[in-house]
N, C-alpha and C. Protein backbone atom coordinates (compact mmCIF):
# COMPACT_ATOMS: atom_id res chain seq x y z
N MET A 1 23.99 33.49 18.47
CA MET A 1 24.53 32.32 17.77
C MET A 1 23.85 31.04 18.29
N ARG A 2 23.74 30.95 19.62
CA ARG A 2 23.14 29.75 20.22
C ARG A 2 21.67 29.62 19.82
N ARG A 3 21.00 30.78 19.79
CA ARG A 3 19.56 30.76 19.39
C ARG A 3 19.43 30.26 17.95
N ARG A 4 20.31 30.65 17.09
CA ARG A 4 20.24 30.23 15.70
C ARG A 4 20.45 28.70 15.58
N ARG A 5 21.41 28.15 16.37
CA ARG A 5 21.63 26.69 16.37
C ARG A 5 20.36 25.97 16.84
N VAL A 6 19.74 26.49 17.87
CA VAL A 6 18.49 25.88 18.39
C VAL A 6 17.41 25.92 17.31
N LEU A 7 17.27 27.01 16.61
CA LEU A 7 16.29 27.11 15.52
C LEU A 7 16.59 26.13 14.38
N VAL A 8 17.86 25.99 14.05
CA VAL A 8 18.24 25.04 13.00
C VAL A 8 17.93 23.61 13.43
N VAL A 9 18.26 23.28 14.64
CA VAL A 9 17.95 21.93 15.16
C VAL A 9 16.48 21.70 15.18
N LEU A 10 15.70 22.67 15.65
CA LEU A 10 14.23 22.53 15.66
C LEU A 10 13.69 22.36 14.25
N ALA A 11 14.19 23.12 13.31
CA ALA A 11 13.76 23.01 11.91
C ALA A 11 14.06 21.62 11.35
N MET A 12 15.24 21.11 11.68
CA MET A 12 15.60 19.75 11.23
C MET A 12 14.69 18.71 11.88
N LEU A 13 14.36 18.91 13.11
CA LEU A 13 13.48 17.97 13.82
C LEU A 13 12.09 17.99 13.21
N VAL A 14 11.58 19.17 12.88
CA VAL A 14 10.28 19.27 12.24
C VAL A 14 10.27 18.57 10.90
N VAL A 15 11.31 18.75 10.11
CA VAL A 15 11.39 18.07 8.79
C VAL A 15 11.46 16.56 9.00
N ALA A 16 12.27 16.11 9.94
CA ALA A 16 12.38 14.67 10.18
C ALA A 16 11.06 14.08 10.65
N LEU A 17 10.35 14.76 11.52
CA LEU A 17 9.05 14.27 11.99
C LEU A 17 8.04 14.25 10.88
N ALA A 18 8.03 15.28 10.04
CA ALA A 18 7.12 15.34 8.91
C ALA A 18 7.34 14.17 7.97
N ASN A 19 8.61 13.89 7.64
CA ASN A 19 8.92 12.74 6.77
C ASN A 19 8.52 11.43 7.43
N SER A 20 8.79 11.31 8.69
CA SER A 20 8.45 10.11 9.42
C SER A 20 6.95 9.91 9.47
N ALA A 21 6.19 10.98 9.71
CA ALA A 21 4.75 10.93 9.79
C ALA A 21 4.16 10.53 8.41
N ASN A 22 4.74 11.02 7.34
CA ASN A 22 4.26 10.72 6.02
C ASN A 22 4.47 9.20 5.72
N SER A 23 5.62 8.68 6.05
CA SER A 23 5.87 7.24 5.84
C SER A 23 4.93 6.44 6.72
N TRP A 24 4.75 6.85 7.95
CA TRP A 24 3.88 6.11 8.84
C TRP A 24 2.44 6.10 8.32
N SER A 25 1.96 7.27 7.85
CA SER A 25 0.58 7.33 7.36
C SER A 25 0.40 6.48 6.10
N GLN A 26 1.41 6.41 5.25
CA GLN A 26 1.30 5.55 4.07
C GLN A 26 1.28 4.08 4.45
N ALA A 27 2.12 3.68 5.39
CA ALA A 27 2.24 2.26 5.76
C ALA A 27 1.16 1.87 6.76
N LYS A 28 0.91 2.69 7.75
CA LYS A 28 0.01 2.30 8.83
C LYS A 28 -1.38 2.84 8.69
N GLY A 29 -1.50 4.10 8.30
CA GLY A 29 -2.81 4.74 8.32
C GLY A 29 -3.65 4.53 7.12
N ASP A 30 -3.11 3.91 6.10
CA ASP A 30 -3.84 3.78 4.83
C ASP A 30 -4.45 2.39 4.71
N ASP A 31 -5.13 1.92 5.76
CA ASP A 31 -5.77 0.63 5.64
C ASP A 31 -6.85 0.61 4.56
N GLU A 32 -7.46 1.76 4.29
CA GLU A 32 -8.45 1.80 3.26
C GLU A 32 -7.80 1.42 1.89
N GLY A 33 -6.66 2.01 1.59
CA GLY A 33 -5.95 1.69 0.36
C GLY A 33 -5.45 0.25 0.33
N LEU A 34 -4.99 -0.19 1.49
CA LEU A 34 -4.54 -1.60 1.63
C LEU A 34 -5.73 -2.56 1.34
N LEU A 35 -6.86 -2.29 1.95
CA LEU A 35 -8.00 -3.18 1.79
C LEU A 35 -8.60 -3.09 0.38
N ARG A 36 -8.47 -1.95 -0.25
CA ARG A 36 -8.88 -1.84 -1.67
C ARG A 36 -7.97 -2.72 -2.52
N ALA A 37 -6.66 -2.68 -2.26
CA ALA A 37 -5.71 -3.52 -3.01
C ALA A 37 -6.02 -4.99 -2.78
N ARG A 38 -6.31 -5.35 -1.54
CA ARG A 38 -6.65 -6.78 -1.24
C ARG A 38 -7.85 -7.20 -2.05
N GLU A 39 -8.92 -6.41 -2.05
CA GLU A 39 -10.10 -6.80 -2.81
C GLU A 39 -9.82 -6.82 -4.30
N ALA A 40 -8.98 -5.92 -4.76
CA ALA A 40 -8.63 -5.86 -6.18
C ALA A 40 -7.92 -7.14 -6.60
N VAL A 41 -7.07 -7.69 -5.75
CA VAL A 41 -6.35 -8.96 -6.07
C VAL A 41 -7.37 -10.06 -6.28
N TRP A 42 -8.29 -10.20 -5.33
CA TRP A 42 -9.31 -11.28 -5.44
C TRP A 42 -10.18 -11.11 -6.72
N ARG A 43 -10.63 -9.89 -6.93
CA ARG A 43 -11.53 -9.63 -8.08
C ARG A 43 -10.76 -9.83 -9.38
N ALA A 44 -9.49 -9.43 -9.43
CA ALA A 44 -8.69 -9.64 -10.66
C ALA A 44 -8.48 -11.12 -10.91
N TRP A 45 -8.29 -11.92 -9.88
CA TRP A 45 -8.13 -13.36 -10.04
C TRP A 45 -9.38 -13.97 -10.64
N PHE A 46 -10.54 -13.67 -10.03
CA PHE A 46 -11.80 -14.26 -10.50
C PHE A 46 -12.13 -13.79 -11.91
N ALA A 47 -11.74 -12.60 -12.30
CA ALA A 47 -12.02 -12.06 -13.64
C ALA A 47 -10.95 -12.38 -14.64
N ASP A 48 -9.86 -13.00 -14.17
CA ASP A 48 -8.67 -13.25 -15.00
C ASP A 48 -8.19 -11.99 -15.64
N ASP A 49 -8.14 -10.91 -14.84
CA ASP A 49 -7.66 -9.60 -15.30
C ASP A 49 -6.12 -9.64 -15.22
N LYS A 50 -5.54 -10.02 -16.33
CA LYS A 50 -4.08 -10.25 -16.38
C LYS A 50 -3.26 -9.01 -16.00
N LYS A 51 -3.70 -7.85 -16.47
CA LYS A 51 -2.97 -6.62 -16.19
C LYS A 51 -3.02 -6.29 -14.70
N ALA A 52 -4.18 -6.36 -14.11
CA ALA A 52 -4.32 -6.09 -12.68
C ALA A 52 -3.52 -7.12 -11.86
N LEU A 53 -3.61 -8.39 -12.25
CA LEU A 53 -2.85 -9.42 -11.54
C LEU A 53 -1.35 -9.15 -11.61
N ALA A 54 -0.89 -8.78 -12.81
CA ALA A 54 0.55 -8.50 -12.96
C ALA A 54 0.98 -7.31 -12.10
N ASP A 55 0.11 -6.32 -11.95
CA ASP A 55 0.41 -5.17 -11.11
C ASP A 55 0.37 -5.45 -9.64
N LEU A 56 -0.50 -6.38 -9.21
CA LEU A 56 -0.76 -6.62 -7.78
C LEU A 56 -0.06 -7.85 -7.22
N VAL A 57 0.25 -8.81 -8.07
CA VAL A 57 0.83 -10.10 -7.61
C VAL A 57 2.23 -10.18 -8.24
N PRO A 58 3.27 -9.81 -7.49
CA PRO A 58 4.62 -9.71 -8.04
C PRO A 58 5.26 -11.09 -8.31
N ALA A 59 6.37 -11.02 -9.01
CA ALA A 59 7.12 -12.22 -9.45
C ALA A 59 7.55 -13.10 -8.27
N ASP A 60 7.78 -12.49 -7.10
CA ASP A 60 8.28 -13.24 -5.95
C ASP A 60 7.15 -13.82 -5.09
N THR A 61 5.96 -13.94 -5.63
CA THR A 61 4.79 -14.44 -4.91
C THR A 61 4.96 -15.91 -4.51
N LEU A 62 4.43 -16.20 -3.31
CA LEU A 62 4.39 -17.57 -2.80
C LEU A 62 3.01 -17.78 -2.14
N VAL A 63 2.29 -18.83 -2.56
CA VAL A 63 0.94 -19.07 -2.11
C VAL A 63 0.79 -20.49 -1.55
N ILE A 64 0.14 -20.60 -0.43
CA ILE A 64 -0.21 -21.91 0.16
C ILE A 64 -1.72 -21.94 0.24
N SER A 65 -2.33 -22.96 -0.40
CA SER A 65 -3.79 -23.04 -0.44
C SER A 65 -4.27 -24.30 0.25
N ALA A 66 -5.41 -24.20 0.85
CA ALA A 66 -6.00 -25.32 1.58
C ALA A 66 -6.19 -26.52 0.63
N GLY A 67 -5.81 -27.67 1.14
CA GLY A 67 -6.02 -28.90 0.38
C GLY A 67 -5.11 -29.13 -0.77
N GLU A 68 -4.16 -28.28 -1.04
CA GLU A 68 -3.25 -28.44 -2.14
C GLU A 68 -1.85 -28.76 -1.62
N LYS A 69 -1.30 -29.81 -2.14
CA LYS A 69 0.01 -30.29 -1.67
C LYS A 69 1.16 -29.32 -2.05
N GLU A 70 1.12 -28.83 -3.29
CA GLU A 70 2.17 -27.98 -3.79
C GLU A 70 1.92 -26.51 -3.45
N TRP A 71 3.00 -25.80 -3.17
CA TRP A 71 2.92 -24.35 -3.00
C TRP A 71 2.99 -23.74 -4.40
N LYS A 72 2.47 -22.55 -4.55
CA LYS A 72 2.33 -21.95 -5.86
C LYS A 72 3.19 -20.67 -5.96
N LYS A 73 3.54 -20.37 -7.18
CA LYS A 73 4.28 -19.15 -7.52
C LYS A 73 3.37 -18.28 -8.38
N GLN A 74 3.89 -17.12 -8.77
CA GLN A 74 3.07 -16.17 -9.56
C GLN A 74 2.48 -16.81 -10.81
N GLY A 75 3.26 -17.55 -11.56
CA GLY A 75 2.76 -18.17 -12.79
C GLY A 75 1.62 -19.14 -12.53
N ASP A 76 1.67 -19.88 -11.42
CA ASP A 76 0.59 -20.78 -11.07
C ASP A 76 -0.68 -20.00 -10.74
N VAL A 77 -0.55 -18.88 -10.06
CA VAL A 77 -1.70 -18.05 -9.74
C VAL A 77 -2.36 -17.57 -11.03
N PHE A 78 -1.56 -17.12 -11.98
CA PHE A 78 -2.10 -16.63 -13.26
C PHE A 78 -2.76 -17.78 -14.05
N ARG A 79 -2.16 -18.96 -14.07
CA ARG A 79 -2.74 -20.12 -14.77
C ARG A 79 -4.05 -20.52 -14.16
N ASP A 80 -4.11 -20.56 -12.82
CA ASP A 80 -5.34 -20.95 -12.15
C ASP A 80 -6.47 -19.96 -12.47
N ALA A 81 -6.15 -18.69 -12.48
CA ALA A 81 -7.17 -17.68 -12.80
C ALA A 81 -7.65 -17.85 -14.25
N ASP A 82 -6.72 -18.09 -15.15
CA ASP A 82 -7.06 -18.30 -16.55
C ASP A 82 -7.96 -19.53 -16.71
N GLU A 83 -7.59 -20.60 -16.03
CA GLU A 83 -8.39 -21.84 -16.08
C GLU A 83 -9.81 -21.64 -15.56
N PHE A 84 -9.92 -20.99 -14.41
CA PHE A 84 -11.25 -20.70 -13.82
C PHE A 84 -12.09 -19.90 -14.85
N HIS A 85 -11.51 -18.88 -15.40
CA HIS A 85 -12.27 -17.98 -16.29
C HIS A 85 -12.56 -18.69 -17.62
N SER A 86 -11.62 -19.49 -18.13
CA SER A 86 -11.84 -20.12 -19.45
C SER A 86 -12.93 -21.22 -19.38
N LYS A 87 -13.19 -21.73 -18.19
CA LYS A 87 -14.26 -22.71 -17.97
C LYS A 87 -15.61 -22.02 -17.71
N GLY A 88 -15.62 -20.69 -17.87
CA GLY A 88 -16.89 -19.98 -17.68
C GLY A 88 -17.16 -19.57 -16.25
N GLY A 89 -16.20 -19.74 -15.37
CA GLY A 89 -16.40 -19.37 -13.98
C GLY A 89 -16.53 -17.88 -13.81
N ARG A 90 -17.42 -17.47 -12.91
CA ARG A 90 -17.58 -16.04 -12.64
C ARG A 90 -17.91 -15.84 -11.18
N LEU A 91 -17.46 -14.70 -10.69
CA LEU A 91 -17.71 -14.31 -9.31
C LEU A 91 -19.08 -13.68 -9.17
N ILE A 92 -19.86 -14.13 -8.21
CA ILE A 92 -21.17 -13.57 -7.96
C ILE A 92 -21.08 -12.63 -6.73
N ARG A 93 -20.38 -13.06 -5.70
CA ARG A 93 -20.32 -12.27 -4.45
C ARG A 93 -18.97 -12.50 -3.79
N LEU A 94 -18.43 -11.45 -3.19
CA LEU A 94 -17.21 -11.48 -2.45
C LEU A 94 -17.32 -10.64 -1.19
N GLU A 95 -17.07 -11.25 -0.03
CA GLU A 95 -17.17 -10.52 1.25
C GLU A 95 -16.00 -10.91 2.14
N PHE A 96 -15.62 -9.97 3.00
CA PHE A 96 -14.64 -10.19 4.02
C PHE A 96 -15.29 -9.75 5.35
N PRO A 97 -16.01 -10.68 6.02
CA PRO A 97 -16.76 -10.28 7.21
C PRO A 97 -15.92 -9.79 8.37
N ARG A 98 -14.68 -10.25 8.46
CA ARG A 98 -13.81 -9.82 9.54
C ARG A 98 -12.38 -9.74 9.01
N THR A 99 -11.73 -8.63 9.35
CA THR A 99 -10.33 -8.44 8.94
C THR A 99 -9.58 -7.74 10.09
N GLU A 100 -8.42 -8.25 10.37
CA GLU A 100 -7.47 -7.59 11.30
C GLU A 100 -6.22 -7.32 10.50
N VAL A 101 -5.57 -6.18 10.81
CA VAL A 101 -4.36 -5.80 10.07
C VAL A 101 -3.22 -5.52 11.07
N GLN A 102 -2.05 -6.04 10.73
CA GLN A 102 -0.83 -5.70 11.47
C GLN A 102 0.12 -5.05 10.50
N HIS A 103 0.81 -4.01 10.98
CA HIS A 103 1.80 -3.31 10.16
C HIS A 103 3.20 -3.50 10.72
N PHE A 104 4.17 -3.67 9.80
CA PHE A 104 5.57 -3.80 10.16
C PHE A 104 6.35 -2.98 9.11
N GLY A 105 6.46 -1.67 9.35
CA GLY A 105 7.11 -0.82 8.34
C GLY A 105 6.29 -0.79 7.07
N ASN A 106 6.93 -1.12 5.96
CA ASN A 106 6.25 -1.14 4.67
C ASN A 106 5.57 -2.47 4.36
N VAL A 107 5.41 -3.30 5.40
CA VAL A 107 4.76 -4.58 5.25
C VAL A 107 3.51 -4.60 6.10
N ALA A 108 2.42 -5.12 5.53
CA ALA A 108 1.18 -5.29 6.31
C ALA A 108 0.74 -6.71 6.12
N VAL A 109 0.19 -7.27 7.20
CA VAL A 109 -0.34 -8.62 7.18
C VAL A 109 -1.83 -8.50 7.53
N THR A 110 -2.69 -9.08 6.65
CA THR A 110 -4.12 -9.08 6.93
C THR A 110 -4.52 -10.52 7.29
N TYR A 111 -5.39 -10.57 8.27
CA TYR A 111 -5.98 -11.83 8.72
C TYR A 111 -7.49 -11.67 8.50
N SER A 112 -8.08 -12.48 7.66
CA SER A 112 -9.48 -12.25 7.29
C SER A 112 -10.29 -13.52 7.26
N GLN A 113 -11.57 -13.33 7.44
CA GLN A 113 -12.54 -14.35 7.06
C GLN A 113 -13.03 -13.96 5.68
N TYR A 114 -13.24 -14.92 4.82
CA TYR A 114 -13.74 -14.59 3.49
C TYR A 114 -14.97 -15.41 3.15
N LEU A 115 -15.76 -14.93 2.25
CA LEU A 115 -16.88 -15.64 1.69
C LEU A 115 -16.95 -15.24 0.22
N TYR A 116 -17.03 -16.22 -0.65
CA TYR A 116 -17.25 -15.86 -2.03
C TYR A 116 -18.24 -16.88 -2.64
N GLU A 117 -19.06 -16.36 -3.56
CA GLU A 117 -19.98 -17.20 -4.28
C GLU A 117 -19.60 -17.11 -5.75
N ILE A 118 -19.50 -18.27 -6.37
CA ILE A 118 -19.14 -18.31 -7.79
C ILE A 118 -20.20 -19.11 -8.55
N GLU A 119 -20.17 -18.93 -9.84
CA GLU A 119 -20.95 -19.78 -10.74
C GLU A 119 -19.97 -20.39 -11.70
N ALA A 120 -20.01 -21.69 -11.80
CA ALA A 120 -19.14 -22.45 -12.71
C ALA A 120 -19.90 -23.64 -13.22
N GLY A 121 -19.87 -23.89 -14.51
CA GLY A 121 -20.57 -25.03 -15.08
C GLY A 121 -22.07 -24.98 -14.83
N GLY A 122 -22.64 -23.78 -14.74
CA GLY A 122 -24.07 -23.63 -14.53
C GLY A 122 -24.50 -23.81 -13.10
N LYS A 123 -23.57 -24.05 -12.19
CA LYS A 123 -23.90 -24.26 -10.78
C LYS A 123 -23.27 -23.19 -9.94
N ARG A 124 -23.97 -22.77 -8.92
CA ARG A 124 -23.48 -21.83 -7.95
C ARG A 124 -22.96 -22.52 -6.73
N SER A 125 -21.87 -21.99 -6.15
CA SER A 125 -21.36 -22.54 -4.90
C SER A 125 -20.80 -21.40 -4.05
N VAL A 126 -20.86 -21.61 -2.72
CA VAL A 126 -20.35 -20.64 -1.77
C VAL A 126 -19.17 -21.28 -1.06
N SER A 127 -18.08 -20.56 -0.94
CA SER A 127 -16.92 -20.99 -0.18
C SER A 127 -16.65 -20.00 0.93
N THR A 128 -16.28 -20.52 2.10
CA THR A 128 -15.92 -19.62 3.21
C THR A 128 -14.65 -20.15 3.80
N GLY A 129 -13.89 -19.28 4.45
CA GLY A 129 -12.65 -19.73 5.07
C GLY A 129 -11.92 -18.54 5.67
N ARG A 130 -10.62 -18.76 5.89
CA ARG A 130 -9.75 -17.74 6.44
C ARG A 130 -8.58 -17.58 5.51
N VAL A 131 -8.00 -16.37 5.54
CA VAL A 131 -6.85 -16.10 4.71
C VAL A 131 -5.91 -15.17 5.47
N THR A 132 -4.63 -15.48 5.40
CA THR A 132 -3.57 -14.60 5.89
C THR A 132 -2.85 -14.10 4.64
N GLU A 133 -2.79 -12.77 4.49
CA GLU A 133 -2.19 -12.19 3.28
C GLU A 133 -1.07 -11.22 3.67
N VAL A 134 0.00 -11.24 2.90
CA VAL A 134 1.13 -10.33 3.09
C VAL A 134 1.03 -9.27 2.00
N PHE A 135 1.16 -8.00 2.40
CA PHE A 135 1.21 -6.91 1.44
C PHE A 135 2.46 -6.09 1.71
N VAL A 136 3.07 -5.61 0.63
CA VAL A 136 4.27 -4.80 0.74
C VAL A 136 4.02 -3.49 -0.02
N LEU A 137 4.36 -2.39 0.61
CA LEU A 137 4.27 -1.10 -0.07
C LEU A 137 5.49 -0.88 -0.92
N ARG A 138 5.29 -0.99 -2.25
CA ARG A 138 6.39 -0.80 -3.19
C ARG A 138 6.02 0.32 -4.14
N ASP A 139 6.91 1.27 -4.24
CA ASP A 139 6.72 2.42 -5.13
C ASP A 139 5.36 3.10 -4.86
N GLY A 140 4.98 3.18 -3.59
CA GLY A 140 3.78 3.90 -3.20
C GLY A 140 2.48 3.14 -3.39
N ARG A 141 2.54 1.87 -3.72
CA ARG A 141 1.28 1.08 -3.83
C ARG A 141 1.48 -0.31 -3.21
N TRP A 142 0.38 -0.86 -2.74
CA TRP A 142 0.41 -2.16 -2.12
C TRP A 142 0.42 -3.28 -3.15
N VAL A 143 1.31 -4.23 -2.98
CA VAL A 143 1.34 -5.47 -3.79
C VAL A 143 1.21 -6.63 -2.83
N ASN A 144 0.81 -7.78 -3.35
CA ASN A 144 0.44 -8.93 -2.54
C ASN A 144 1.32 -10.15 -2.89
N PRO A 145 2.53 -10.24 -2.30
CA PRO A 145 3.44 -11.32 -2.67
C PRO A 145 3.26 -12.65 -1.95
N GLY A 146 2.21 -12.77 -1.14
CA GLY A 146 1.99 -14.07 -0.49
C GLY A 146 0.73 -14.15 0.30
N TRP A 147 0.18 -15.37 0.33
CA TRP A 147 -1.00 -15.62 1.16
C TRP A 147 -1.16 -17.10 1.47
N HIS A 148 -1.91 -17.36 2.50
CA HIS A 148 -2.25 -18.72 2.88
C HIS A 148 -3.74 -18.76 3.17
N THR A 149 -4.45 -19.66 2.52
CA THR A 149 -5.88 -19.81 2.75
C THR A 149 -6.21 -21.13 3.38
N ASP A 150 -7.32 -21.15 4.10
CA ASP A 150 -7.92 -22.43 4.51
C ASP A 150 -9.43 -22.28 4.28
N GLU A 151 -10.09 -23.40 4.09
CA GLU A 151 -11.53 -23.37 3.83
C GLU A 151 -12.25 -23.97 5.03
N GLU A 152 -13.42 -23.42 5.30
CA GLU A 152 -14.30 -24.00 6.29
C GLU A 152 -15.14 -25.07 5.59
N LYS A 153 -15.39 -26.13 6.23
CA LYS A 153 -16.22 -27.19 5.63
C LYS A 153 -17.54 -27.26 6.31
């Protein structure tokens, strides 16, 4: 009887550890998926990909951007992307030369250096800076409800 209880407890422990490991690997070990989602947000913004933006940038988004007095919400992000694209803006190059990631359960924070080159109004320009981005694992996929950027001059 005692042996059976020990086996039941061990089986429960194995199941608990397996479930815990699965959650940990999704939240902590999947930086590749996280970083793909991060790049997808940026590329969707520059392309004014409304469907991708709606999937990746949730309604509770809050954004603080360098040099802008007002903080932005999801609708502002969508309007800015539309305005950039409607003026003929296009992304030429996007790079993240350095990124560090911290995980807190189903939340990840990325700290990155960025570089992007765009063409707008027939002129090319390069912007560089830093960005802190918050990602939340919702329904098995990463969404980006907030970020703060600064630009290097």
